[in-house]
Amino acid sequence: MELIEELSGVYLEHRDLSRVEPMETYLKNQFKVLGLSAPRWRQLSKPFIKKMVADNNHSFEEYIRRLWNSEYREFHYTAVELLIRAKRQWTADTLALMQYMITTHSWWDTVDAIATNGVGPYLQKYPQKVDLMDEWNVDDNLWLNRTSIIYQLKYKKQTDLQRLSRYILQHQGSKEFFHQKAMGWALRQISKFEPDWVAAFIDQHELPSLTVREGSKYLP
């Protein structure tokens, strides 16, 4: 794909070797990076993403999979950005692509962006698919669990509190940091709109201290 090759050339031309080590350390040395800051790769990729979304010869899914196969993290971030920008082209099958992205090259930075800006809006577009979150919530994959807990972060008063409650309680005894943080984050966010519900939920259930601390941050 010519656009991918052109973008690769631009990214390589602007790589910053002085930033590589600290960035890879921040990512727990799980990924290779080119040393491009978020503002920099966004600026460089913007015209390419626009062309990828408009390309009639290749689907946005094809571009995403090619980007996702790169060894460099900046290409993964670009794939997530493309996913979000191609929202109008999503179909009922796009959730399978999101699941693939969540369960490969997994780390909180890409997973959280896909969960809140991908899965969340997708399920508003295709509400008949929402029960799949029940499966994700009990899946052996940590990142699918996390997604099921936080995908409603931007729903505000449209948040399904009963569903959120079930998903949190499924993991209330978890020792996993990313479970505990996700539960606290979800509670903190909805507390802006349903503070009494969150206060009662925290009071009525035995939750990890990290979850309680995060979830009650905005409570009076």
C-alpha atoms as a PDB file:
ATOM      1  CA  MET A   1       0.000   0.000   0.000  1.00  0.00           C
ATOM      2  CA  GLU A   2       1.596   3.192  -1.212  1.00  0.00           C
ATOM      3  CA  LEU A   3       0.204   5.410   1.559  1.00  0.00           C
ATOM      4  CA  ILE A   4       1.655   3.129   4.251  1.00  0.00           C
ATOM      5  CA  GLU A   5       5.056   3.211   2.552  1.00  0.00           C
ATOM      6  CA  GLU A   6       4.941   6.999   2.266  1.00  0.00           C
ATOM      7  CA  LEU A   7       3.944   7.383   5.908  1.00  0.00           C
ATOM      8  CA  SER A   8       6.741   5.026   6.956  1.00  0.00           C
ATOM      9  CA  GLY A   9       9.227   7.186   5.103  1.00  0.00           C
ATOM     10  CA  VAL A  10       7.955  10.335   6.816  1.00  0.00           C
ATOM     11  CA  TYR A  11       8.033   8.724  10.252  1.00  0.00           C
ATOM     12  CA  LEU A  12      11.577   7.423   9.714  1.00  0.00           C
ATOM     13  CA  GLU A  13      12.719  10.822   8.462  1.00  0.00           C
ATOM     14  CA  HIS A  14      11.468  12.513  11.631  1.00  0.00           C
ATOM     15  CA  ARG A  15      12.454   9.860  14.169  1.00  0.00           C
ATOM     16  CA  ASP A  16      14.066  11.222  17.336  1.00  0.00           C
ATOM     17  CA  LEU A  17      16.651   8.798  18.654  1.00  0.00           C
ATOM     18  CA  SER A  18      17.130  10.846  21.836  1.00  0.00           C
ATOM     19  CA  ARG A  19      13.569   9.995  22.862  1.00  0.00           C
ATOM     20  CA  VAL A  20      13.637   6.278  22.061  1.00  0.00           C
ATOM     21  CA  GLU A  21      15.070   4.926  25.311  1.00  0.00           C
ATOM     22  CA  PRO A  22      12.861   6.928  27.724  1.00  0.00           C
ATOM     23  CA  MET A  23       9.762   6.178  25.646  1.00  0.00           C
ATOM     24  CA  GLU A  24      10.490   2.453  25.482  1.00  0.00           C
ATOM     25  CA  THR A  25      11.206   2.417  29.212  1.00  0.00           C
ATOM     26  CA  TYR A  26       7.838   4.115  29.839  1.00  0.00           C
ATOM     27  CA  LEU A  27       6.204   1.343  27.805  1.00  0.00           C
ATOM     28  CA  LYS A  28       7.955  -1.279  29.974  1.00  0.00           C
ATOM     29  CA  ASN A  29      10.150  -2.203  26.983  1.00  0.00           C
ATOM     30  CA  GLN A  30       7.233  -4.025  25.394  1.00  0.00           C
ATOM     31  CA  PHE A  31       7.377  -2.092  22.125  1.00  0.00           C
ATOM     32  CA  LYS A  32       9.863  -0.437  19.831  1.00  0.00           C
ATOM     33  CA  VAL A  33       9.365   3.271  19.132  1.00  0.00           C
ATOM     34  CA  LEU A  34      10.671   5.850  16.696  1.00  0.00           C
ATOM     35  CA  GLY A  35      10.783   8.556  19.334  1.00  0.00           C
ATOM     36  CA  LEU A  36       7.871  10.569  17.955  1.00  0.00           C
ATOM     37  CA  SER A  37       5.827  12.491  20.515  1.00  0.00           C
ATOM     38  CA  ALA A  38       2.028  12.303  20.321  1.00  0.00           C
ATOM     39  CA  PRO A  39       1.680  15.835  18.850  1.00  0.00           C
ATOM     40  CA  ARG A  40       4.396  15.009  16.304  1.00  0.00           C
ATOM     41  CA  TRP A  41       3.020  11.710  14.961  1.00  0.00           C
ATOM     42  CA  ARG A  42      -0.481  13.181  14.902  1.00  0.00           C
ATOM     43  CA  GLN A  43       0.735  16.124  12.832  1.00  0.00           C
ATOM     44  CA  LEU A  44       2.694  13.908  10.452  1.00  0.00           C
ATOM     45  CA  SER A  45      -0.054  11.303  10.030  1.00  0.00           C
ATOM     46  CA  LYS A  46      -3.031  13.658   9.641  1.00  0.00           C
ATOM     47  CA  PRO A  47      -2.915  14.014   5.825  1.00  0.00           C
ATOM     48  CA  PHE A  48      -2.274  10.289   5.400  1.00  0.00           C
ATOM     49  CA  ILE A  49      -5.188   9.294   7.621  1.00  0.00           C
ATOM     50  CA  LYS A  50      -7.444  11.626   5.664  1.00  0.00           C
ATOM     51  CA  LYS A  51      -6.409   9.911   2.421  1.00  0.00           C
ATOM     52  CA  MET A  52      -6.820   6.428   3.929  1.00  0.00           C
ATOM     53  CA  VAL A  53     -10.363   7.194   5.032  1.00  0.00           C
ATOM     54  CA  ALA A  54     -11.219   8.465   1.547  1.00  0.00           C
ATOM     55  CA  ASP A  55      -9.445   5.683  -0.388  1.00  0.00           C
ATOM     56  CA  ASN A  56     -11.901   3.764  -2.546  1.00  0.00           C
ATOM     57  CA  ASN A  57      -9.384   1.078  -3.468  1.00  0.00           C
ATOM     58  CA  HIS A  58      -8.568  -0.114   0.048  1.00  0.00           C
ATOM     59  CA  SER A  59     -10.787  -0.301   3.132  1.00  0.00           C
ATOM     60  CA  PHE A  60      -9.832   1.396   6.361  1.00  0.00           C
ATOM     61  CA  GLU A  61      -9.677  -2.088   7.908  1.00  0.00           C
ATOM     62  CA  GLU A  62      -6.917  -3.066   5.454  1.00  0.00           C
ATOM     63  CA  TYR A  63      -4.916   0.001   6.384  1.00  0.00           C
ATOM     64  CA  ILE A  64      -5.402  -0.632  10.087  1.00  0.00           C
ATOM     65  CA  ARG A  65      -4.167  -4.200   9.859  1.00  0.00           C
ATOM     66  CA  ARG A  66      -1.082  -3.108   7.937  1.00  0.00           C
ATOM     67  CA  LEU A  67      -0.338  -0.373  10.446  1.00  0.00           C
ATOM     68  CA  TRP A  68      -0.993  -2.751  13.327  1.00  0.00           C
ATOM     69  CA  ASN A  69       1.552  -5.232  11.977  1.00  0.00           C
ATOM     70  CA  SER A  70       4.365  -2.701  12.358  1.00  0.00           C
ATOM     71  CA  GLU A  71       6.964  -3.260  15.051  1.00  0.00           C
ATOM     72  CA  TYR A  72       6.835   0.426  15.997  1.00  0.00           C
ATOM     73  CA  ARG A  73       4.309   1.753  18.490  1.00  0.00           C
ATOM     74  CA  GLU A  74       3.664   4.995  16.602  1.00  0.00           C
ATOM     75  CA  PHE A  75       2.062   2.962  13.819  1.00  0.00           C
ATOM     76  CA  HIS A  76      -0.262   1.327  16.352  1.00  0.00           C
ATOM     77  CA  TYR A  77      -1.311   4.760  17.584  1.00  0.00           C
ATOM     78  CA  THR A  78      -1.912   5.795  13.977  1.00  0.00           C
ATOM     79  CA  ALA A  79      -4.113   2.731  13.460  1.00  0.00           C
ATOM     80  CA  VAL A  80      -6.231   3.687  16.470  1.00  0.00           C
ATOM     81  CA  GLU A  81      -6.556   7.241  15.155  1.00  0.00           C
ATOM     82  CA  LEU A  82      -7.608   5.887  11.758  1.00  0.00           C
ATOM     83  CA  LEU A  83     -10.199   3.650  13.408  1.00  0.00           C
ATOM     84  CA  ILE A  84     -11.743   6.652  15.133  1.00  0.00           C
ATOM     85  CA  ARG A  85     -11.642   8.877  12.034  1.00  0.00           C
ATOM     86  CA  ALA A  86     -13.316   6.189   9.929  1.00  0.00           C
ATOM     87  CA  LYS A  87     -16.344   6.024  12.241  1.00  0.00           C
ATOM     88  CA  ARG A  88     -18.813   6.685   9.427  1.00  0.00           C
ATOM     89  CA  GLN A  89     -17.558   3.566   7.670  1.00  0.00           C
ATOM     90  CA  TRP A  90     -18.005   1.229  10.621  1.00  0.00           C
ATOM     91  CA  THR A  91     -20.214  -1.788  10.020  1.00  0.00           C
ATOM     92  CA  ALA A  92     -21.624  -4.395  12.369  1.00  0.00           C
ATOM     93  CA  ASP A  93     -18.447  -6.412  11.746  1.00  0.00           C
ATOM     94  CA  THR A  94     -16.081  -3.656  12.895  1.00  0.00           C
ATOM     95  CA  LEU A  95     -16.254  -4.849  16.504  1.00  0.00           C
ATOM     96  CA  ALA A  96     -14.230  -7.915  15.494  1.00  0.00           C
ATOM     97  CA  LEU A  97     -11.469  -5.601  14.294  1.00  0.00           C
ATOM     98  CA  MET A  98     -11.595  -3.679  17.574  1.00  0.00           C
ATOM     99  CA  GLN A  99     -11.349  -6.943  19.501  1.00  0.00           C
ATOM    100  CA  TYR A 100      -8.288  -7.900  17.453  1.00  0.00           C
ATOM    101  CA  MET A 101      -6.652  -4.559  18.246  1.00  0.00           C
ATOM    102  CA  ILE A 102      -7.486  -4.837  21.940  1.00  0.00           C
ATOM    103  CA  THR A 103      -6.041  -8.335  22.272  1.00  0.00           C
ATOM    104  CA  THR A 104      -2.830  -7.835  20.276  1.00  0.00           C
ATOM    105  CA  HIS A 105       0.008  -5.400  21.028  1.00  0.00           C
ATOM    106  CA  SER A 106      -2.003  -4.795  24.192  1.00  0.00           C
ATOM    107  CA  TRP A 107      -1.252  -2.010  26.624  1.00  0.00           C
ATOM    108  CA  TRP A 108      -3.400   0.564  28.381  1.00  0.00           C
ATOM    109  CA  ASP A 109      -2.634   3.416  25.979  1.00  0.00           C
ATOM    110  CA  THR A 110      -4.139   1.776  22.893  1.00  0.00           C
ATOM    111  CA  VAL A 111      -6.737  -0.291  24.753  1.00  0.00           C
ATOM    112  CA  ASP A 112      -8.240   2.678  26.580  1.00  0.00           C
ATOM    113  CA  ALA A 113      -8.456   4.750  23.389  1.00  0.00           C
ATOM    114  CA  ILE A 114     -10.182   1.907  21.535  1.00  0.00           C
ATOM    115  CA  ALA A 115     -12.523   1.233  24.456  1.00  0.00           C
ATOM    116  CA  THR A 116     -13.730   4.796  24.931  1.00  0.00           C
ATOM    117  CA  ASN A 117     -13.518   6.151  21.366  1.00  0.00           C
ATOM    118  CA  GLY A 118     -14.160   2.915  19.497  1.00  0.00           C
ATOM    119  CA  VAL A 119     -16.196   0.332  21.377  1.00  0.00           C
ATOM    120  CA  GLY A 120     -18.260   2.935  23.226  1.00  0.00           C
ATOM    121  CA  PRO A 121     -19.498   4.781  20.115  1.00  0.00           C
ATOM    122  CA  TYR A 122     -19.784   1.495  18.205  1.00  0.00           C
ATOM    123  CA  LEU A 123     -22.246   0.084  20.748  1.00  0.00           C
ATOM    124  CA  GLN A 124     -24.314   3.240  20.532  1.00  0.00           C
ATOM    125  CA  LYS A 125     -24.470   2.705  16.780  1.00  0.00           C
ATOM    126  CA  TYR A 126     -25.123  -1.038  17.096  1.00  0.00           C
ATOM    127  CA  PRO A 127     -26.864  -1.475  20.486  1.00  0.00           C
ATOM    128  CA  GLN A 128     -27.915  -5.003  19.529  1.00  0.00           C
ATOM    129  CA  LYS A 129     -24.277  -6.035  20.038  1.00  0.00           C
ATOM    130  CA  VAL A 130     -24.018  -4.820  23.641  1.00  0.00           C
ATOM    131  CA  ASP A 131     -24.475  -8.261  25.214  1.00  0.00           C
ATOM    132  CA  LEU A 132     -21.072  -9.195  23.812  1.00  0.00           C
ATOM    133  CA  MET A 133     -19.692  -7.086  26.640  1.00  0.00           C
ATOM    134  CA  ASP A 134     -20.986  -9.782  29.002  1.00  0.00           C
ATOM    135  CA  GLU A 135     -18.603 -12.199  27.298  1.00  0.00           C
ATOM    136  CA  TRP A 136     -15.720  -9.737  27.309  1.00  0.00           C
ATOM    137  CA  ASN A 137     -16.225  -9.054  31.001  1.00  0.00           C
ATOM    138  CA  VAL A 138     -15.582 -12.695  31.946  1.00  0.00           C
ATOM    139  CA  ASP A 139     -13.043 -13.463  29.229  1.00  0.00           C
ATOM    140  CA  ASP A 140      -9.575 -14.691  30.189  1.00  0.00           C
ATOM    141  CA  ASN A 141      -8.130 -11.628  28.474  1.00  0.00           C
ATOM    142  CA  LEU A 142      -7.496  -8.794  30.934  1.00  0.00           C
ATOM    143  CA  TRP A 143      -7.848  -6.103  28.283  1.00  0.00           C
ATOM    144  CA  LEU A 144     -11.278  -7.279  27.151  1.00  0.00           C
ATOM    145  CA  ASN A 145     -12.336  -7.175  30.813  1.00  0.00           C
ATOM    146  CA  ARG A 146     -11.024  -3.629  31.137  1.00  0.00           C
ATOM    147  CA  THR A 147     -12.802  -2.558  27.968  1.00  0.00           C
ATOM    148  CA  SER A 148     -16.142  -3.891  29.203  1.00  0.00           C
ATOM    149  CA  ILE A 149     -15.765  -1.820  32.371  1.00  0.00           C
ATOM    150  CA  ILE A 150     -14.761   1.483  30.760  1.00  0.00           C
ATOM    151  CA  TYR A 151     -16.446   1.544  27.335  1.00  0.00           C
ATOM    152  CA  GLN A 152     -19.272   3.701  28.784  1.00  0.00           C
ATOM    153  CA  LEU A 153     -16.941   6.424  30.079  1.00  0.00           C
ATOM    154  CA  LYS A 154     -18.344   9.037  27.690  1.00  0.00           C
ATOM    155  CA  TYR A 155     -21.991   8.007  28.011  1.00  0.00           C
ATOM    156  CA  LYS A 156     -22.700  10.434  30.862  1.00  0.00           C
ATOM    157  CA  LYS A 157     -26.353  10.066  31.934  1.00  0.00           C
ATOM    158  CA  GLN A 158     -26.904   7.404  29.283  1.00  0.00           C
ATOM    159  CA  THR A 159     -24.682   5.009  31.215  1.00  0.00           C
ATOM    160  CA  ASP A 160     -26.313   1.659  31.918  1.00  0.00           C
ATOM    161  CA  LEU A 161     -25.733   1.585  35.677  1.00  0.00           C
ATOM    162  CA  GLN A 162     -27.025  -1.946  36.104  1.00  0.00           C
ATOM    163  CA  ARG A 163     -24.596  -3.251  33.498  1.00  0.00           C
ATOM    164  CA  LEU A 164     -21.714  -1.240  34.947  1.00  0.00           C
ATOM    165  CA  SER A 165     -22.520  -2.598  38.398  1.00  0.00           C
ATOM    166  CA  ARG A 166     -22.455  -6.201  37.166  1.00  0.00           C
ATOM    167  CA  TYR A 167     -19.167  -5.709  35.376  1.00  0.00           C
ATOM    168  CA  ILE A 168     -17.474  -4.136  38.374  1.00  0.00           C
ATOM    169  CA  LEU A 169     -18.738  -6.725  40.836  1.00  0.00           C
ATOM    170  CA  GLN A 170     -17.441  -9.506  38.591  1.00  0.00           C
ATOM    171  CA  HIS A 171     -13.922  -8.226  39.364  1.00  0.00           C
ATOM    172  CA  GLN A 172     -14.350  -6.701  42.810  1.00  0.00           C
ATOM    173  CA  GLY A 173     -11.939  -9.217  44.329  1.00  0.00           C
ATOM    174  CA  SER A 174      -9.313  -8.865  41.614  1.00  0.00           C
ATOM    175  CA  LYS A 175      -5.734  -8.087  42.604  1.00  0.00           C
ATOM    176  CA  GLU A 176      -4.962  -6.912  39.073  1.00  0.00           C
ATOM    177  CA  PHE A 177      -4.035  -3.215  38.917  1.00  0.00           C
ATOM    178  CA  PHE A 178      -5.686  -2.685  35.544  1.00  0.00           C
ATOM    179  CA  HIS A 179      -8.959  -4.137  36.812  1.00  0.00           C
ATOM    180  CA  GLN A 180      -8.901  -2.043  39.976  1.00  0.00           C
ATOM    181  CA  LYS A 181      -7.970   1.154  38.134  1.00  0.00           C
ATOM    182  CA  ALA A 182     -10.644   0.628  35.470  1.00  0.00           C
ATOM    183  CA  MET A 183     -13.352   0.105  38.085  1.00  0.00           C
ATOM    184  CA  GLY A 184     -12.311   3.254  39.920  1.00  0.00           C
ATOM    185  CA  TRP A 185     -12.126   5.239  36.710  1.00  0.00           C
ATOM    186  CA  ALA A 186     -15.614   4.143  35.660  1.00  0.00           C
ATOM    187  CA  LEU A 187     -17.066   5.044  39.064  1.00  0.00           C
ATOM    188  CA  ARG A 188     -15.264   8.383  39.150  1.00  0.00           C
ATOM    189  CA  GLN A 189     -16.578   9.335  35.723  1.00  0.00           C
ATOM    190  CA  ILE A 190     -20.219   8.448  36.398  1.00  0.00           C
ATOM    191  CA  SER A 191     -20.029  10.159  39.808  1.00  0.00           C
ATOM    192  CA  LYS A 192     -20.085  13.460  37.909  1.00  0.00           C
ATOM    193  CA  PHE A 193     -23.662  12.648  36.919  1.00  0.00           C
ATOM    194  CA  GLU A 194     -24.838  10.095  39.495  1.00  0.00           C
ATOM    195  CA  PRO A 195     -22.965  10.920  42.719  1.00  0.00           C
ATOM    196  CA  ASP A 196     -25.582   9.382  45.018  1.00  0.00           C
ATOM    197  CA  TRP A 197     -25.523   6.116  43.090  1.00  0.00           C
ATOM    198  CA  VAL A 198     -21.723   5.918  43.232  1.00  0.00           C
ATOM    199  CA  ALA A 199     -21.631   6.761  46.940  1.00  0.00           C
ATOM    200  CA  ALA A 200     -24.176   4.048  47.690  1.00  0.00           C
ATOM    201  CA  PHE A 201     -22.400   1.531  45.467  1.00  0.00           C
ATOM    202  CA  ILE A 202     -19.066   2.092  47.194  1.00  0.00           C
ATOM    203  CA  ASP A 203     -20.734   1.910  50.606  1.00  0.00           C
ATOM    204  CA  GLN A 204     -22.600  -1.302  49.864  1.00  0.00           C
ATOM    205  CA  HIS A 205     -19.792  -3.330  48.281  1.00  0.00           C
ATOM    206  CA  GLU A 206     -16.334  -4.410  49.352  1.00  0.00           C
ATOM    207  CA  LEU A 207     -14.087  -2.948  46.675  1.00  0.00           C
ATOM    208  CA  PRO A 208     -10.298  -2.655  46.350  1.00  0.00           C
ATOM    209  CA  SER A 209      -8.869   0.405  48.059  1.00  0.00           C
ATOM    210  CA  LEU A 210      -7.519   1.729  44.747  1.00  0.00           C
ATOM    211  CA  THR A 211     -10.994   1.463  43.211  1.00  0.00           C
ATOM    212  CA  VAL A 212     -12.584   3.254  46.170  1.00  0.00           C
ATOM    213  CA  ARG A 213      -9.955   5.988  46.164  1.00  0.00           C
ATOM    214  CA  GLU A 214     -10.360   6.636  42.449  1.00  0.00           C
ATOM    215  CA  GLY A 215     -14.123   6.222  42.419  1.00  0.00           C
ATOM    216  CA  SER A 216     -14.779   8.626  45.269  1.00  0.00           C
ATOM    217  CA  LYS A 217     -12.453  11.379  44.080  1.00  0.00           C
ATOM    218  CA  TYR A 218     -15.298  13.689  42.997  1.00  0.00           C
ATOM    219  CA  LEU A 219     -17.738  12.780  45.744  1.00  0.00           C
ATOM    220  CA  PRO A 220     -18.527  15.443  48.374  1.00  0.00           C
END
